Amino acid sequence: MKRILLISTFALLLACGGVKKTQEALNSGNYVTAMNKAIKNLTENKTRKGNQAYVVMLEDAFAKHTQREREQIAFLKQDGNPANLENIYNSYLQLKNIQQRIRPLLPLRIYDEGRDASFNFVNYDVAILDIKRDLSEYLYSNATAQLASAQQKVDFRSAYNELKYLQDINPGYKETIAKMNDAYTKGLEYVRVEIGNDTEQIIPERLEEELLDFNTYGIDNFWREYHANPLSEIQYDYALNLNFRQINISPEQVNETQIIKEKQIKDGFEYLLDENGNAVKDSLGNRIKVDRFKTVRCNFYQFTQFKSAQIGAKVSFTDLTTGQEVNSYPLSSEFVFEHVYANYRGDKRALDTDLIPLLDIRAVPFPSNEQMVYDAGEDLKTRLKTIIRQYQFN
């Protein structure tokens, strides 16, 4: 019983908190927030007595929001600035959307007043279509003018965004798609990618191909393309150069470590004798046995195969318009090959349990220098990807 009472009290507190926040939004003029909260609670249970406050607040917020928005629309229309058309269009859409969200809840009864909540719904479809027509013409003309006068890529991008919005609200309007494609092509930044090698080592062909495969980098930049195979018909804006400055490969090494192990192990048993050399027996007359131990010794030889490769490189970005290097970052990577195996001489029983598995391992061929460089380049690819994804050209 006490548990049920606690749950009911908690639910009541939550409900009161929700009503309070909705009322605060209404009082501060955040009518959309107030309506959203009220609609959410009434959608869950519109007949619940505890939700009566939401019905009253929804009625009030709807009336005040509608009046304010329509007054603002009238003001913007009177101003006559075509730049206001988008705001007018969005206001009409919002007014219609709120009505569509409230309509399924109707009727909403206000029990204390013995009436249904009143919502003065208006059909905004004609107004929306009229404004959309004017807005479409404005956006199209404005973007067309921007394309004609554009001097820099940022201008083409601005025109594209206007056209993209136009396509969203009015698909297929005039030559919108063709103009979008034109604006996109001219707004793109093209980056030429090159790999340089100032070392005396050969860069594995597979590593070079993977470094230049930008499809695997997950670069999500709408306005930039990277070309590892430059096209003659494109004027490139930037160059990205990955220059290998040093590749160091260590000699193949096999290091030997000798460990001498001794251990006492059980080696059968013997009968217990007293100080007079007589057999000692238990209470049943049986002779007592005791473990016999002996010391065993083993020479353990551990071999470690070792080879390492270090790569030092620099990635730089050059503005091809000015010919100036705009930024550069050092890159380094290392790969270590290490293989451990062992053998022994003596009694294996003297060895610790963690050493015994090494006896089943044999020596393996060392990786080639090419493979070492490739493996070191795996980490280099990750570092290069991070730089490219985070770098901002302008």
Foldseek 3Di string as FASTA:
>chain_A
DVVVVVVVVVVVVVLVVLLVVLVVCLVVLVLVVNLVSLLVVCVVPLPDPSSLSSQVSNLVSLVVLVVVLVVVLVVVVVVVDLVCLVVNLVSLVVNVVSCVSCVVSPQRDNVVVGDTRDHDDDDCVVVNVVSLVSNLVVLVVVLVVLVVPPDALVSLVVSLVSLVVSCVVPNPDDCSVVSNVVSLVSNAAEEEEEEAEPEPDDADPVLVVVLQPCVVLPADDSRYDYDPPDDPVDDHFKYKYKYWNYKDKDDKDKDKDKDKFKDKDWDAKDFDADPVRHFDADPVRHTDIDTDIDMWMKIKMKIKIKMKMKIKIKIWMAGPVVRHTPDMDIDMFMDMDIDMAIDMDTDPVRDDPVNVVRPVDDDDDDDDPNVNSSVRSVVVSVVVSVCVNPDDPD
